[in-house]
Protein backbone atom coordinates (compact mmCIF):
# COMPACT_ATOMS: atom_id res chain seq x y z
CA MET A 1 -157.62 34.36 32.99
CA ALA A 2 -158.60 36.35 29.91
CA SER A 3 -156.68 37.65 26.90
CA ILE A 4 -157.16 41.39 26.43
CA LEU A 5 -156.10 43.51 23.46
CA VAL A 6 -155.30 47.14 24.31
CA VAL A 7 -155.28 49.47 21.31
CA ASP A 8 -153.99 52.99 22.03
CA ASP A 9 -151.41 55.22 20.36
CA GLU A 10 -150.22 56.57 23.74
CA MET A 11 -147.45 54.43 25.18
CA GLY A 12 -148.23 55.61 28.71
CA ILE A 13 -151.82 54.37 28.46
CA ARG A 14 -150.74 51.02 27.00
CA GLU A 15 -148.16 50.47 29.73
CA LEU A 16 -150.55 51.51 32.51
CA LEU A 17 -153.36 49.23 31.34
CA ASN A 18 -150.88 46.43 30.73
CA GLU A 19 -149.57 46.67 34.30
CA ILE A 20 -153.02 46.86 35.89
CA LEU A 21 -154.59 44.06 33.85
CA THR A 22 -151.53 41.80 34.11
CA ASP A 23 -151.59 42.21 37.88
CA GLU A 24 -155.20 41.01 37.71
CA GLY A 25 -153.98 37.83 36.03
CA HIS A 26 -154.94 38.64 32.44
CA THR A 27 -152.76 38.25 29.36
CA VAL A 28 -152.42 41.63 27.64
CA TYR A 29 -151.60 42.27 23.99
CA ALA A 30 -150.77 45.87 23.09
CA ALA A 31 -151.20 47.64 19.75
CA GLU A 32 -150.24 51.25 19.08
CA SER A 33 -152.20 51.53 15.85
CA ALA A 34 -155.15 50.09 13.96
CA MET A 35 -152.70 48.26 11.69
CA GLN A 36 -151.15 46.38 14.61
CA ALA A 37 -154.60 45.69 16.05
CA ARG A 38 -155.71 44.20 12.70
CA THR A 39 -152.69 41.89 12.66
CA ILE A 40 -153.30 40.65 16.20
CA ARG A 41 -157.03 40.16 15.52
CA GLU A 42 -156.25 38.10 12.41
CA GLN A 43 -154.02 35.83 14.48
CA MET A 44 -156.33 35.40 17.45
CA ARG A 45 -159.67 36.29 18.98
CA PRO A 46 -159.08 38.15 22.25
CA ASP A 47 -161.62 37.83 25.03
CA LEU A 48 -161.88 41.63 25.17
CA VAL A 49 -160.64 44.69 23.29
CA LEU A 50 -160.03 48.10 24.86
CA LEU A 51 -160.03 50.42 21.85
CA ASP A 52 -159.02 54.09 21.79
CA ILE A 53 -161.20 56.29 19.60
CA TRP A 54 -158.74 58.98 18.56
CA MET A 55 -155.69 57.51 16.84
CA PRO A 56 -153.62 58.69 13.86
CA ASP A 57 -154.20 57.18 10.40
CA VAL A 58 -157.19 55.00 11.32
CA ASP A 59 -159.34 55.87 14.32
CA GLY A 60 -161.09 53.45 16.64
CA ILE A 61 -164.56 54.00 15.22
CA THR A 62 -163.34 53.16 11.71
CA LEU A 63 -161.60 50.00 12.98
CA LEU A 64 -164.75 49.00 14.85
CA LYS A 65 -166.81 49.42 11.67
CA GLU A 66 -164.27 47.37 9.74
CA TRP A 67 -164.40 44.49 12.22
CA SER A 68 -168.19 44.63 12.15
CA LYS A 69 -168.36 44.46 8.35
CA THR A 70 -165.82 41.63 8.06
CA GLY A 71 -167.44 39.52 10.76
CA GLN A 72 -164.50 39.91 13.15
CA LEU A 73 -166.47 41.75 15.82
CA THR A 74 -167.06 38.54 17.74
CA MET A 75 -165.61 39.77 21.04
CA PRO A 76 -166.73 42.56 23.38
CA VAL A 77 -165.15 45.94 22.65
CA VAL A 78 -164.90 48.82 25.13
CA MET A 79 -164.09 52.20 23.60
CA MET A 80 -161.76 54.68 25.32
CA SER A 81 -161.35 58.43 24.87
CA GLY A 82 -160.72 61.66 26.70
CA HIS A 83 -162.34 63.87 24.08
CA ALA A 84 -165.24 61.91 22.65
CA THR A 85 -168.72 63.41 22.52
CA ILE A 86 -171.94 61.69 23.50
CA ASP A 87 -172.76 61.31 19.79
CA THR A 88 -169.48 59.44 19.25
CA ALA A 89 -170.17 57.12 22.16
CA VAL A 90 -173.68 56.45 20.85
CA GLU A 91 -172.32 55.72 17.36
CA ALA A 92 -169.77 53.28 18.77
CA THR A 93 -172.50 51.50 20.71
CA ARG A 94 -174.68 51.34 17.60
CA ILE A 95 -171.84 49.73 15.64
CA GLY A 96 -171.28 47.12 18.32
CA ALA A 97 -169.17 48.52 21.17
CA LEU A 98 -170.22 47.18 24.54
CA ASN A 99 -169.22 50.11 26.72
CA PHE A 100 -167.25 53.33 26.92
CA LEU A 101 -164.43 54.44 29.25
CA GLU A 102 -163.59 58.10 29.65
CA LYS A 103 -159.95 59.11 30.14
CA PRO A 104 -158.32 59.54 32.55
CA ILE A 105 -159.53 56.07 33.45
CA ALA A 106 -160.24 55.45 37.14
CA LEU A 107 -158.87 52.14 38.41
CA GLN A 108 -162.09 50.82 39.93
CA LYS A 109 -164.10 51.91 36.88
CA LEU A 110 -161.65 50.05 34.63
CA LEU A 111 -161.74 46.84 36.65
CA LYS A 112 -165.53 46.90 36.97
CA THR A 113 -165.98 47.52 33.24
CA VAL A 114 -163.50 44.78 32.28
CA THR A 115 -165.15 42.24 34.60
CA LYS A 116 -168.61 43.03 33.23
CA ALA A 117 -167.40 42.91 29.61
CA LEU A 118 -165.71 39.53 30.10
CA GLU A 119 -168.98 38.09 31.36
CA SER A 120 -170.36 38.59 27.85
CA SER A 121 -167.34 37.03 26.13
CA PRO A 122 -168.24 33.45 25.07
CA LYS A 123 -164.66 32.21 25.27
CA TYR A 124 -163.91 33.50 28.76
CA VAL A 125 -164.29 31.08 31.67
CA GLU A 126 -164.23 32.24 35.28
CA PRO A 127 -161.16 30.81 37.09
CA ALA A 128 -163.31 29.16 39.79
CA GLU A 129 -165.45 27.41 37.15
CA GLU A 130 -162.38 26.32 35.23
CA LYS A 131 -160.68 24.85 38.29
CA ALA A 132 -163.84 22.99 39.28
CA SER A 133 -164.16 21.58 35.77
CA LEU A 134 -160.56 20.41 35.71
CA ALA A 135 -160.82 18.87 39.17
CA SER A 136 -163.91 16.87 38.27
CA SER A 137 -162.58 15.68 34.91
CA SER A 138 -159.39 14.13 36.23
CA SER A 139 -157.92 12.84 39.49
CA LEU A 140 -154.48 13.79 38.22
CA SER A 141 -152.85 17.16 38.64
CA PRO A 142 -153.97 19.40 35.71
CA LYS A 143 -150.37 20.11 34.74
CA VAL A 144 -149.47 16.41 34.75
CA ALA A 145 -152.59 15.48 32.76
CA VAL A 146 -151.92 18.21 30.20
CA SER A 147 -148.30 17.17 29.79
CA ASP A 148 -149.26 13.51 29.34
CA GLN A 149 -151.88 14.34 26.71
CA ALA A 150 -149.56 16.64 24.81
CA SER A 151 -146.81 14.00 24.72
CA GLN A 152 -149.10 11.36 23.20
CA ALA A 153 -149.29 12.95 19.75
CA GLN A 154 -147.90 10.65 17.07
CA ASP A 155 -146.50 11.51 13.65
CA GLY A 156 -149.26 12.66 11.31
CA GLU A 157 -151.69 13.45 14.14
CA TYR A 158 -151.74 17.17 13.56
CA ILE A 159 -154.22 19.87 12.59
CA SER A 160 -152.69 22.98 11.00
CA GLY A 161 -149.31 21.89 12.38
CA ILE A 162 -150.60 21.51 15.95
CA ALA A 163 -150.90 18.16 17.73
CA LYS A 164 -154.50 16.91 17.77
CA THR A 165 -154.34 16.26 21.52
CA TYR A 166 -154.16 20.01 22.12
CA PHE A 167 -157.65 20.41 20.68
CA ASP A 168 -159.05 18.16 23.41
CA LEU A 169 -157.73 20.42 26.17
CA PRO A 170 -159.45 23.41 27.78
CA LEU A 171 -158.49 26.48 25.77
CA ARG A 172 -156.44 28.07 28.54
CA GLU A 173 -154.39 24.92 29.11
CA ALA A 174 -153.74 24.45 25.39
CA ARG A 175 -152.78 28.11 25.01
CA ASP A 176 -150.43 28.01 28.01
CA LEU A 177 -148.74 24.87 26.69
CA PHE A 178 -148.22 26.41 23.28
CA GLU A 179 -146.98 29.73 24.67
CA LYS A 180 -144.53 28.02 27.01
CA ALA A 181 -143.12 25.89 24.18
CA TYR A 182 -143.00 28.95 21.92
CA PHE A 183 -141.11 31.16 24.37
CA GLU A 184 -138.73 28.38 25.43
CA HIS A 185 -137.92 27.96 21.73
CA GLN A 186 -137.34 31.70 21.36
CA MET A 187 -135.11 31.69 24.46
CA ILE A 188 -132.93 29.08 22.79
CA ILE A 189 -132.66 30.60 19.31
CA MET A 190 -132.27 34.16 20.69
CA GLY A 191 -129.63 33.09 23.18
CA GLY A 192 -131.81 34.18 26.09
CA SER A 193 -131.74 37.84 25.00
CA MET A 194 -134.88 39.55 26.32
CA THR A 195 -134.24 42.46 23.97
CA LYS A 196 -134.26 40.25 20.88
CA ILE A 197 -137.27 38.26 22.06
CA SER A 198 -139.15 41.47 22.84
CA GLU A 199 -138.44 42.90 19.39
CA TYR A 200 -139.28 39.64 17.61
CA THR A 201 -142.54 38.95 19.44
CA GLY A 202 -143.68 42.57 19.60
CA LEU A 203 -144.17 42.40 23.38
CA GLU A 204 -142.96 45.21 25.60
CA ARG A 205 -140.20 44.03 27.96
CA THR A 206 -142.27 44.45 31.13
CA HIS A 207 -145.09 42.40 29.62
CA LEU A 208 -142.58 39.82 28.34
CA TYR A 209 -141.04 39.29 31.79
CA ARG A 210 -144.49 38.93 33.36
CA LYS A 211 -145.53 36.50 30.65
CA LEU A 212 -142.45 34.30 31.11
CA LYS A 213 -142.87 34.33 34.89
CA ALA A 214 -146.55 33.35 34.57
CA LEU A 215 -145.57 30.46 32.28
CA GLY A 216 -142.96 29.25 34.75
CA ILE A 217 -139.98 30.01 32.49
CA ASP A 218 -136.81 30.87 34.43
CA THR A 219 -135.11 33.99 33.07
CA SER A 220 -132.74 34.58 36.01
CA ARG A 221 -129.84 32.85 34.29
CA ASN A 222 -130.10 35.31 31.41
CA LYS A 223 -130.28 38.56 33.37
CA THR A 224 -126.56 39.22 33.03
CA GLU A 225 -126.97 39.13 29.26
CA GLN A 226 -129.70 41.81 29.04
C-alpha cells in the first residue's frame, strides 16, 4: 500500500491516524513538528502527507511554502486544522495543498480524502494493479522471485550501498525487502528490545509492532523482554 507522513503536534491525533491508516494497510510515518517532518522528507518521498496547520515553532503553511520553494513538494499534501479560516485553506491550496480536512476528522471523510489524494500520487500503485503486474511478469511466487533477485548481487554491484538488483524490483517489493533486513538487523543489535528499537527508529511502539508483523518478523520470542 502507500507510505503516508502524518505531521501533527498532538500525540492523540498522530496515534489515531496511525491506527486508522495502518489498519487500511498503509505504512505511516509520524512527525510531531516541522523539524521532524523535514528530516523524514529528506530521507524519503512519501506517497501522501497529512499536515497540520497550527503547530508550535513552524506552522504547516510555512513548511508547505518551504517544500514548494525547495522543489520537495512532489507529493500530494492534505492540510488539517480545527481552527483554520477559509482564507487559510485557500492560501494552502494556492501554495500546492491538494485538499483540506477539518478537525475533528470524520472517519469516512478521512478515508475518502486519502484514497482520492493517493490517486494523484505518481509513486502509488493500486494493490490490484500491482498484483496483476507481478503475476504477469513471473510464474514464480513474488516473494521467491524477489528473494532470488536480491541474493544475486555480487561484490561491487551496488548503487549508494544498495544492491543493484533492488533497483529492478517494483518499489514496494524493494522497500519491503530493505525494511525487513533493516528491522531484523535492529532486532539483533538491540537484543530484541522493542523499547530500544522504538527509540532508535523514531517509531511509536504500536506502529513498530504493526510494521514488524506486516513484514513477517516474529516478535513473540522477545515479548518477555519488553
